[in-house]
Amino acid sequence: MKLYVARHGKTNYNELGLCNGDPTVDVHLTKEGKLQAESLSEKLRDIAIDHIYVSEMKRTQQTADIVNKLHNMRISVDGRLNDNRTGFEGKHFSEYISALDHAAENRWTARFNDGESVEDINARVRSFIAELKTTGYQSILIITSEVIVQAFCGILNSLSNDDARALHVEQGDYIELLESKTD
């Protein structure tokens, strides 16, 4: 199975550097984010996609709607693809990074303010991947956030958390991953 794992376009919260893991908060694509989604659509134009999955976040759904104009595929929403709940909802992203860097004994298992850890995120993504294996799809587009893209890369390429989190995918871009039958 081929997975095309894409990062949503730029949002109003991205412009402000704010954390958002709550799908009920109005975080939406900016004009630039919509252009990035259109560019993503063009990049994926000639790729046969069997199904599209998105998170519960409005930004991923908006991105998918734009991409899907060229593919006309069914879109499924899955909360396991949601952005991480940092525990710093609506606060500057630097506060979360500082907490990971300075307050956490183990940055991969640390949880702040009822948030989730990186290992919690990885468990969500592993569960999603296990379910994908039962679908019979050959080519899947997943539109989500960068941290979930990193989790997919880490899990499917057997990367350490450090190496996975060092990967950067531009907004409105994607990576192609192969899911092996034996994982």
Protein backbone atom coordinates (compact mmCIF):
# COMPACT_ATOMS: atom_id res chain seq x y z
CA MET A 1 0.00 0.00 0.00
CA LYS A 2 1.21 3.49 -0.82
CA LEU A 3 0.51 6.27 1.64
CA TYR A 4 0.70 9.89 0.62
CA VAL A 5 0.88 11.76 3.90
CA ALA A 6 0.28 15.49 3.49
CA ARG A 7 0.49 18.48 5.78
CA HIS A 8 -2.44 20.89 5.69
CA GLY A 9 -2.03 24.44 4.39
CA LYS A 10 -1.14 27.44 6.55
CA THR A 11 -3.68 28.52 9.17
CA ASN A 12 -4.51 31.57 11.23
CA TYR A 13 -2.91 29.82 14.23
CA ASN A 14 0.26 29.00 12.25
CA GLU A 15 0.67 32.70 11.53
CA LEU A 16 0.48 33.44 15.26
CA GLY A 17 2.61 30.44 16.32
CA LEU A 18 -0.18 29.04 18.52
CA CYS A 19 -0.84 25.46 19.63
CA ASN A 20 -4.11 23.81 18.65
CA GLY A 21 -5.17 20.24 19.26
CA ASP A 22 -8.86 20.94 19.86
CA PRO A 23 -10.99 20.44 16.74
CA THR A 24 -13.75 22.69 18.13
CA VAL A 25 -11.51 25.77 17.96
CA ASP A 26 -11.87 27.82 14.76
CA VAL A 27 -8.48 27.23 13.20
CA HIS A 28 -8.81 27.58 9.44
CA LEU A 29 -6.78 27.99 6.29
CA THR A 30 -5.54 31.45 5.43
CA LYS A 31 -5.45 32.76 1.87
CA GLU A 32 -1.88 31.44 1.64
CA GLY A 33 -3.03 28.10 3.09
CA LYS A 34 -5.69 27.79 0.39
CA LEU A 35 -3.06 28.45 -2.27
CA GLN A 36 -0.83 25.78 -0.69
CA ALA A 37 -3.76 23.33 -0.81
CA GLU A 38 -4.28 24.15 -4.51
CA SER A 39 -0.58 23.53 -5.11
CA LEU A 40 -0.84 20.20 -3.26
CA SER A 41 -3.78 19.29 -5.47
CA GLU A 42 -1.69 19.96 -8.58
CA LYS A 43 1.22 17.88 -7.20
CA LEU A 44 -1.16 14.97 -6.65
CA ARG A 45 -3.06 15.44 -9.93
CA ASP A 46 -1.70 12.35 -11.71
CA ILE A 47 -1.61 10.05 -8.68
CA ALA A 48 -4.41 7.50 -8.43
CA ILE A 49 -5.86 7.76 -4.94
CA ASP A 50 -8.35 5.20 -3.61
CA HIS A 51 -9.38 7.08 -0.48
CA ILE A 52 -8.65 10.25 1.48
CA TYR A 53 -8.40 10.40 5.28
CA VAL A 54 -8.32 13.60 7.32
CA SER A 55 -8.33 14.56 10.97
CA GLU A 56 -11.23 16.20 12.77
CA MET A 57 -9.45 19.53 12.39
CA LYS A 58 -11.13 22.03 10.06
CA ARG A 59 -7.79 22.87 8.40
CA THR A 60 -7.23 19.31 7.18
CA GLN A 61 -10.79 19.06 5.90
CA GLN A 62 -10.48 22.36 4.03
CA THR A 63 -7.21 21.16 2.48
CA ALA A 64 -8.82 17.85 1.48
CA ASP A 65 -11.83 19.57 -0.08
CA ILE A 66 -9.50 21.60 -2.31
CA VAL A 67 -7.34 18.58 -3.22
CA ASN A 68 -10.38 16.42 -3.82
CA LYS A 69 -11.67 18.65 -6.62
CA LEU A 70 -9.26 16.76 -8.88
CA HIS A 71 -9.80 13.31 -7.40
CA ASN A 72 -13.44 13.12 -6.34
CA MET A 73 -12.73 10.46 -3.71
CA ARG A 74 -14.57 9.61 -0.53
CA ILE A 75 -13.13 11.48 2.46
CA SER A 76 -13.16 9.86 5.90
CA VAL A 77 -12.57 11.76 9.14
CA ASP A 78 -10.56 10.02 11.85
CA GLY A 79 -9.66 11.57 15.21
CA ARG A 80 -6.47 9.50 15.43
CA LEU A 81 -5.08 11.88 12.78
CA ASN A 82 -5.72 14.98 14.93
CA ASP A 83 -2.88 17.28 15.84
CA ASN A 84 -1.27 16.63 19.20
CA ARG A 85 -2.94 17.86 22.36
CA THR A 86 0.08 19.66 23.80
CA GLY A 87 -1.60 20.90 26.95
CA PHE A 88 -0.80 24.43 25.75
CA GLU A 89 -3.99 25.07 23.76
CA GLY A 90 -4.03 28.61 22.34
CA LYS A 91 -0.59 29.39 23.79
CA HIS A 92 2.55 30.08 21.82
CA PHE A 93 4.23 26.93 20.50
CA SER A 94 7.53 28.02 22.11
CA GLU A 95 5.97 27.44 25.55
CA TYR A 96 5.33 23.80 24.68
CA ILE A 97 8.85 23.31 23.29
CA SER A 98 10.34 24.96 26.36
CA ALA A 99 8.37 22.62 28.60
CA LEU A 100 9.64 19.62 26.63
CA ASP A 101 13.22 20.89 26.70
CA HIS A 102 13.38 21.98 30.33
CA ALA A 103 10.62 20.54 32.45
CA ALA A 104 10.34 17.06 31.05
CA GLU A 105 12.28 14.16 32.48
CA ASN A 106 11.59 12.23 29.27
CA ARG A 107 10.42 14.41 26.39
CA TRP A 108 8.79 11.46 24.60
CA THR A 109 6.55 10.40 27.49
CA ALA A 110 5.98 13.83 29.08
CA ARG A 111 2.42 15.14 29.35
CA PHE A 112 1.51 18.70 30.28
CA ASN A 113 -1.80 20.16 31.47
CA ASP A 114 -3.86 17.07 30.54
CA GLY A 115 -2.20 16.90 27.13
CA GLU A 116 -0.71 13.84 25.46
CA SER A 117 2.84 12.64 25.00
CA VAL A 118 4.70 11.90 21.78
CA GLU A 119 4.37 8.20 22.64
CA ASP A 120 0.59 8.69 22.97
CA ILE A 121 0.57 10.20 19.47
CA ASN A 122 2.62 7.30 18.11
CA ALA A 123 0.13 4.83 19.63
CA ARG A 124 -2.76 6.61 17.87
CA VAL A 125 -0.95 6.47 14.54
CA ARG A 126 0.01 2.80 15.00
CA SER A 127 -3.67 2.01 15.63
CA PHE A 128 -4.65 3.88 12.47
CA ILE A 129 -2.01 2.07 10.39
CA ALA A 130 -3.19 -1.30 11.71
CA GLU A 131 -6.74 -0.49 10.62
CA LEU A 132 -5.57 0.68 7.18
CA LYS A 133 -4.16 -2.79 6.56
CA THR A 134 -7.71 -4.15 6.60
CA THR A 135 -9.14 -1.73 4.02
CA GLY A 136 -7.81 -3.21 0.80
CA TYR A 137 -6.88 0.24 -0.52
CA GLN A 138 -3.75 0.45 -2.62
CA SER A 139 -3.19 4.22 -2.55
CA ILE A 140 -4.29 6.47 0.29
CA LEU A 141 -3.96 10.20 0.88
CA ILE A 142 -3.81 11.29 4.50
CA ILE A 143 -4.04 15.01 5.28
CA THR A 144 -2.96 15.92 8.78
CA SER A 145 -0.50 17.99 10.81
CA GLU A 146 3.28 17.88 10.77
CA VAL A 147 3.60 15.99 14.05
CA ILE A 148 1.37 13.22 12.69
CA VAL A 149 3.32 13.16 9.41
CA GLN A 150 6.45 12.73 11.55
CA ALA A 151 4.82 9.88 13.48
CA PHE A 152 3.94 8.07 10.22
CA CYS A 153 7.53 8.46 9.00
CA GLY A 154 8.96 7.27 12.30
CA ILE A 155 6.73 4.22 12.54
CA LEU A 156 6.90 3.09 8.91
CA ASN A 157 10.64 3.77 8.56
CA SER A 158 11.64 2.52 12.05
CA LEU A 159 13.09 5.90 13.02
CA SER A 160 13.86 7.04 16.53
CA ASN A 161 11.62 9.73 17.99
CA ASP A 162 14.54 12.16 17.64
CA ASP A 163 14.98 11.38 13.94
CA ALA A 164 11.25 11.41 13.22
CA ARG A 165 10.74 14.77 14.94
CA ALA A 166 13.67 16.25 13.02
CA LEU A 167 11.81 15.72 9.72
CA HIS A 168 10.15 18.76 8.24
CA VAL A 169 7.33 18.74 5.73
CA GLU A 170 6.28 22.09 4.33
CA GLN A 171 2.69 23.15 4.67
CA GLY A 172 0.74 21.99 1.65
CA ASP A 173 3.31 19.33 0.77
CA TYR A 174 3.40 15.55 1.14
CA ILE A 175 5.67 12.56 1.44
CA GLU A 176 5.17 9.13 -0.06
CA LEU A 177 5.49 6.15 2.26
CA LEU A 178 5.16 2.43 1.65
CA GLU A 179 3.39 0.38 4.27
CA SER A 180 4.81 -3.11 4.35
CA LYS A 181 2.55 -6.14 4.75
CA THR A 182 4.61 -7.41 7.69
CA ASP A 183 4.53 -4.31 9.93
